[in-house]
Amino acid sequence: MANIGKLNTLTVMREAEQGLYLDGDNLGDILIPKRYVPEGTAVDDEIEVFIYTDSEDRIIATTEKPYAMVGQFGAMKVVHVNKFGAFLDWGLMKDLFVPFREQKMKMLEGNTYVVFVYLDLDSDRIAGSAKLDQFLDETPPPFEQGEEVEIIIAQKTDLGFKVIINETHWGLIFKNEIFGNIRIGDKRKAYIKNLREDDKIDVSLQKEGYDRIDSVSKTILQKIEDEGGFLALTDKSSPEEISATFGISKKAFKKAIGALYKQRLIELDTHGIRKK
């Protein structure tokens, strides 16, 4: 069974001037335009494609992948607004439509928003919604304190940032616990810090135990994470390099990485610092 808005592995049935026709099972024959056909693909081959409807509501296939598929959340930039709603760049030739009724606030061209991608079952059209509450679980959270989770930074609030945890529940990172830059739409690993009696969830970007280290050390850890787990600075780096990166003295830097090393949160080598 083939699904609109998802990745599907389909069999090539026949060639045509405009591309290849794939066996879409319940959806019938589906065209993959020539520009998306991988070189060397032939009849009877299987090919992984994303299925959606084009601007004329025809079901088509592409080897391109959107930033988010049906049933997923994703951050996307508004490229156009008209009297019907907003159109967001979701990585495909056809933009993702978010009607005004699915906007929590009026979307502005050039701004980035987190939306949920859904399929309108009446029209088979894929659309987006910024009214995220309706797509998140309100049941008691199944998480445990200290558990590692995946989050999407969704909304800025007076307290900090609301995040989507494992695409199922809301969580909150308090602003005084953020060290380094985060942006709407960022996807991060995070940790369950507190499960409240009202079922609200506090989230931390640092592992349990990071509260025992000072703010300089937290800043260094966040920078290492932002750099993909490795930072090309050592205790031999010049004071100028350290100051340019963190705005601190070399003495403060060495003290902080010493504390992190003692707590076995980092590894040191001659080329830099690696997060454990």
Protein backbone atom coordinates (compact mmCIF):
# COMPACT_ATOMS: atom_id res chain seq x y z
CA MET A 1 0.00 0.00 0.00
CA ALA A 2 1.37 3.39 -1.04
CA ASN A 3 0.95 6.44 1.19
CA ILE A 4 0.79 10.10 0.22
CA GLY A 5 3.14 12.22 2.28
CA LYS A 6 5.48 9.34 3.12
CA LEU A 7 8.50 7.57 1.68
CA ASN A 8 7.49 4.53 -0.38
CA THR A 9 9.49 1.85 -2.18
CA LEU A 10 7.76 1.33 -5.53
CA THR A 11 8.43 -0.74 -8.65
CA VAL A 12 9.05 0.84 -12.05
CA MET A 13 6.31 -0.29 -14.44
CA ARG A 14 7.09 1.49 -17.70
CA GLU A 15 8.99 4.33 -19.30
CA ALA A 16 7.37 7.43 -20.75
CA GLU A 17 8.58 10.60 -22.41
CA GLN A 18 8.05 12.62 -19.23
CA GLY A 19 9.64 10.09 -16.85
CA LEU A 20 8.82 6.71 -15.34
CA TYR A 21 5.53 5.30 -14.12
CA LEU A 22 5.61 3.47 -10.80
CA ASP A 23 3.23 0.89 -9.40
CA GLY A 24 1.34 2.92 -6.78
CA ASP A 25 -0.92 0.01 -5.80
CA ASN A 26 -3.99 1.64 -4.20
CA LEU A 27 -3.04 5.03 -5.71
CA GLY A 28 -2.74 3.73 -9.28
CA ASP A 29 0.18 4.45 -11.60
CA ILE A 30 2.36 7.29 -10.30
CA LEU A 31 4.67 9.40 -12.44
CA ILE A 32 8.16 10.26 -11.30
CA PRO A 33 9.28 13.12 -13.57
CA LYS A 34 12.46 12.57 -15.56
CA ARG A 35 14.46 15.13 -13.57
CA TYR A 36 14.07 13.00 -10.42
CA VAL A 37 14.88 9.60 -11.95
CA PRO A 38 18.23 8.23 -10.73
CA GLU A 39 20.62 7.44 -13.54
CA GLY A 40 20.43 3.84 -14.70
CA THR A 41 16.94 3.14 -13.30
CA ALA A 42 15.06 0.62 -15.47
CA VAL A 43 11.72 -1.19 -15.65
CA ASP A 44 11.18 -3.64 -12.74
CA ASP A 45 13.66 -1.79 -10.54
CA GLU A 46 12.51 -0.67 -7.10
CA ILE A 47 12.98 2.96 -6.13
CA GLU A 48 12.37 4.89 -2.90
CA VAL A 49 10.24 7.98 -3.50
CA PHE A 50 8.22 10.57 -1.65
CA ILE A 51 4.61 10.83 -2.87
CA TYR A 52 2.65 14.08 -2.90
CA THR A 53 0.30 16.08 -5.13
CA ASP A 54 1.55 18.73 -7.53
CA SER A 55 0.07 22.18 -8.17
CA GLU A 56 -2.64 20.58 -10.32
CA ASP A 57 -3.49 18.00 -7.61
CA ARG A 58 -1.97 15.13 -9.56
CA ILE A 59 -0.24 12.44 -7.49
CA ILE A 60 3.45 12.39 -8.35
CA ALA A 61 6.67 10.94 -6.95
CA THR A 62 10.07 12.47 -6.28
CA THR A 63 13.41 11.28 -4.95
CA GLU A 64 13.72 14.59 -3.08
CA LYS A 65 12.85 14.49 0.61
CA PRO A 66 10.93 17.24 2.40
CA TYR A 67 12.08 18.74 5.70
CA ALA A 68 9.15 16.95 7.37
CA MET A 69 6.72 14.30 6.16
CA VAL A 70 3.08 13.71 7.06
CA GLY A 71 2.85 13.08 10.79
CA GLN A 72 6.05 15.00 11.59
CA PHE A 73 6.99 18.44 12.93
CA GLY A 74 9.48 20.65 11.12
CA ALA A 75 10.79 24.21 10.99
CA MET A 76 10.16 25.97 7.70
CA LYS A 77 10.54 29.46 6.27
CA VAL A 78 7.61 31.38 4.80
CA VAL A 79 8.32 32.25 1.17
CA HIS A 80 4.95 33.71 0.17
CA VAL A 81 1.68 34.89 1.72
CA ASN A 82 -1.61 35.44 -0.12
CA LYS A 83 -5.29 35.87 0.78
CA PHE A 84 -5.67 32.14 1.50
CA GLY A 85 -2.67 31.53 3.74
CA ALA A 86 1.10 31.10 3.79
CA PHE A 87 3.42 28.99 1.68
CA LEU A 88 6.47 27.48 3.34
CA ASP A 89 9.67 26.09 1.83
CA TRP A 90 9.69 22.43 2.83
CA GLY A 91 12.45 21.25 0.52
CA LEU A 92 10.33 20.38 -2.53
CA MET A 93 9.47 22.22 -5.72
CA LYS A 94 5.92 22.74 -4.46
CA ASP A 95 5.72 24.78 -1.24
CA LEU A 96 3.76 23.61 1.81
CA PHE A 97 0.47 25.47 2.27
CA VAL A 98 -0.62 26.61 5.74
CA PRO A 99 -4.19 28.03 5.60
CA PHE A 100 -5.04 30.97 7.84
CA ARG A 101 -7.26 28.74 10.01
CA GLU A 102 -4.18 26.66 10.88
CA GLN A 103 -2.01 29.64 11.87
CA LYS A 104 -1.66 30.43 15.55
CA MET A 105 -0.62 33.94 14.61
CA LYS A 106 -0.45 35.53 11.19
CA MET A 107 2.61 34.15 9.44
CA LEU A 108 5.00 36.68 7.95
CA GLU A 109 7.11 36.23 4.85
CA GLY A 110 10.75 35.52 5.72
CA ASN A 111 10.01 34.19 9.22
CA THR A 112 10.55 30.57 10.27
CA TYR A 113 7.85 28.59 12.08
CA VAL A 114 7.52 25.06 13.45
CA VAL A 115 4.54 23.32 11.84
CA PHE A 116 2.96 19.88 11.82
CA VAL A 117 2.54 18.30 8.39
CA TYR A 118 -0.80 16.57 7.87
CA LEU A 119 -2.85 15.01 5.08
CA ASP A 120 -6.33 16.34 4.33
CA LEU A 121 -8.16 13.06 3.77
CA ASP A 122 -10.97 14.72 1.79
CA SER A 123 -8.68 16.21 -0.86
CA ASP A 124 -5.47 14.13 -0.50
CA ARG A 125 -3.62 17.43 -0.20
CA ILE A 126 -0.71 17.82 2.17
CA ALA A 127 -0.81 20.92 4.36
CA GLY A 128 0.77 22.35 7.48
CA SER A 129 -0.54 23.59 10.81
CA ALA A 130 1.07 25.89 13.35
CA LYS A 131 -1.60 25.03 15.95
CA LEU A 132 0.62 22.38 17.47
CA ASP A 133 -1.36 21.55 20.61
CA GLN A 134 -3.86 19.42 18.69
CA PHE A 135 -1.08 17.12 17.47
CA LEU A 136 0.62 16.57 20.84
CA ASP A 137 -0.25 14.06 23.54
CA GLU A 138 -2.00 15.30 26.69
CA THR A 139 -1.71 11.98 28.53
CA PRO A 140 0.73 11.64 31.43
CA PRO A 141 4.27 11.67 30.00
CA PRO A 142 5.98 8.27 29.73
CA PHE A 143 9.44 9.69 30.41
CA GLU A 144 11.80 9.18 33.35
CA GLN A 145 13.95 11.79 35.03
CA GLY A 146 17.36 11.91 33.37
CA GLU A 147 16.13 10.15 30.21
CA GLU A 148 17.73 11.26 26.93
CA VAL A 149 15.20 12.56 24.41
CA GLU A 150 15.06 14.35 21.06
CA ILE A 151 13.61 17.85 21.05
CA ILE A 152 12.61 20.53 18.56
CA ILE A 153 12.88 24.14 19.73
CA ALA A 154 9.36 25.36 18.95
CA GLN A 155 8.44 28.64 20.65
CA LYS A 156 10.08 31.39 22.70
CA THR A 157 8.30 32.38 25.92
CA ASP A 158 8.97 34.68 28.87
CA LEU A 159 10.27 31.67 30.82
CA GLY A 160 12.51 30.27 28.09
CA PHE A 161 11.71 27.99 25.14
CA LYS A 162 8.88 25.54 24.63
CA VAL A 163 10.13 22.36 23.01
CA ILE A 164 8.53 19.31 21.44
CA ILE A 165 9.80 16.14 23.10
CA ASN A 166 10.07 13.03 20.90
CA GLU A 167 7.30 14.54 18.74
CA THR A 168 4.73 13.67 21.44
CA HIS A 169 4.77 16.10 24.40
CA TRP A 170 5.46 19.72 25.25
CA GLY A 171 8.45 20.55 27.42
CA LEU A 172 10.17 23.69 28.65
CA ILE A 173 13.79 24.80 28.86
CA PHE A 174 14.21 27.69 31.29
CA LYS A 175 16.18 30.61 29.87
CA ASN A 176 18.66 30.65 32.79
CA GLU A 177 19.68 27.11 31.82
CA ILE A 178 20.55 27.92 28.21
CA PHE A 179 24.27 28.32 27.51
CA GLY A 180 24.99 29.06 23.86
CA ASN A 181 22.75 29.97 20.96
CA ILE A 182 19.55 28.13 20.13
CA ARG A 183 17.07 28.94 17.37
CA ILE A 184 13.48 28.08 16.56
CA GLY A 185 13.51 24.79 14.68
CA ASP A 186 16.77 23.49 16.16
CA LYS A 187 16.75 19.74 16.78
CA ARG A 188 18.78 18.69 19.79
CA LYS A 189 19.42 15.88 22.20
CA ALA A 190 18.16 16.82 25.64
CA TYR A 191 17.38 15.30 29.02
CA ILE A 192 14.26 15.12 31.18
CA LYS A 193 15.04 17.27 34.21
CA ASN A 194 11.76 17.32 36.11
CA LEU A 195 8.33 15.70 35.78
CA ARG A 196 5.87 17.94 37.59
CA GLU A 197 2.67 16.89 39.35
CA ASP A 198 0.66 18.80 36.71
CA ASP A 199 2.31 16.61 34.01
CA LYS A 200 4.38 19.52 32.70
CA ILE A 201 7.96 18.63 31.81
CA ASP A 202 11.16 20.55 32.43
CA VAL A 203 13.97 19.77 30.00
CA SER A 204 17.70 20.38 30.14
CA LEU A 205 20.25 20.49 27.33
CA GLN A 206 22.82 19.02 29.73
CA LYS A 207 23.02 15.58 31.32
CA GLU A 208 22.07 15.05 34.93
CA GLY A 209 24.94 16.18 37.11
CA TYR A 210 25.80 19.25 35.02
CA ASP A 211 24.22 21.43 37.72
CA ARG A 212 27.32 20.80 39.82
CA ILE A 213 29.55 22.75 37.43
CA ASP A 214 29.79 26.49 37.08
CA SER A 215 28.46 28.67 34.27
CA VAL A 216 31.82 28.87 32.46
CA SER A 217 32.02 25.09 32.28
CA LYS A 218 28.42 24.90 31.05
CA THR A 219 29.23 27.42 28.33
CA ILE A 220 32.24 25.34 27.24
CA LEU A 221 30.14 22.16 27.17
CA GLN A 222 27.47 23.83 25.08
CA LYS A 223 30.10 25.12 22.65
CA ILE A 224 31.56 21.61 22.28
CA GLU A 225 28.07 20.29 21.54
CA ASP A 226 27.43 23.06 19.01
CA GLU A 227 30.68 22.11 17.27
CA GLY A 228 29.58 18.50 16.86
CA GLY A 229 31.22 17.10 19.97
CA PHE A 230 34.77 18.38 19.42
CA LEU A 231 36.35 21.78 20.10
CA ALA A 232 39.76 22.61 18.68
CA LEU A 233 41.04 24.42 21.78
CA THR A 234 43.40 23.13 24.47
CA ASP A 235 45.17 24.44 27.56
CA LYS A 236 48.01 25.29 25.14
CA SER A 237 45.82 27.59 23.06
CA SER A 238 46.66 31.28 23.13
CA PRO A 239 44.82 33.67 25.48
CA GLU A 240 43.62 35.53 22.38
CA GLU A 241 41.98 32.40 20.89
CA ILE A 242 40.27 31.58 24.18
CA SER A 243 39.05 35.14 24.68
CA ALA A 244 37.72 35.32 21.11
CA THR A 245 35.76 32.10 21.60
CA PHE A 246 34.44 32.51 25.15
CA GLY A 247 35.27 36.03 26.30
CA ILE A 248 37.18 34.66 29.31
CA SER A 249 40.78 34.49 30.48
CA LYS A 250 43.02 31.51 29.83
CA LYS A 251 43.19 30.91 33.59
CA ALA A 252 39.38 30.66 33.84
CA PHE A 253 39.31 28.39 30.79
CA LYS A 254 41.90 25.98 32.23
CA LYS A 255 40.06 25.86 35.56
CA ALA A 256 36.77 25.06 33.85
CA ILE A 257 38.10 22.28 31.61
CA GLY A 258 39.93 20.83 34.61
CA ALA A 259 36.63 20.56 36.48
CA LEU A 260 34.95 18.99 33.47
CA TYR A 261 37.75 16.47 33.07
CA LYS A 262 37.59 15.46 36.75
CA GLN A 263 33.86 14.79 36.36
CA ARG A 264 34.62 12.69 33.26
CA LEU A 265 32.45 14.87 31.05
CA ILE A 266 35.18 15.54 28.49
CA GLU A 267 38.31 13.93 27.04
CA LEU A 268 41.46 15.90 26.31
CA ASP A 269 44.01 15.32 23.57
CA THR A 270 46.71 17.34 21.85
CA HIS A 271 44.26 18.70 19.28
CA GLY A 272 41.31 19.72 21.41
CA ILE A 273 38.46 18.75 23.73
CA ARG A 274 36.02 15.96 23.03
CA LYS A 275 32.68 15.45 24.75
CA LYS A 276 32.25 12.02 26.35
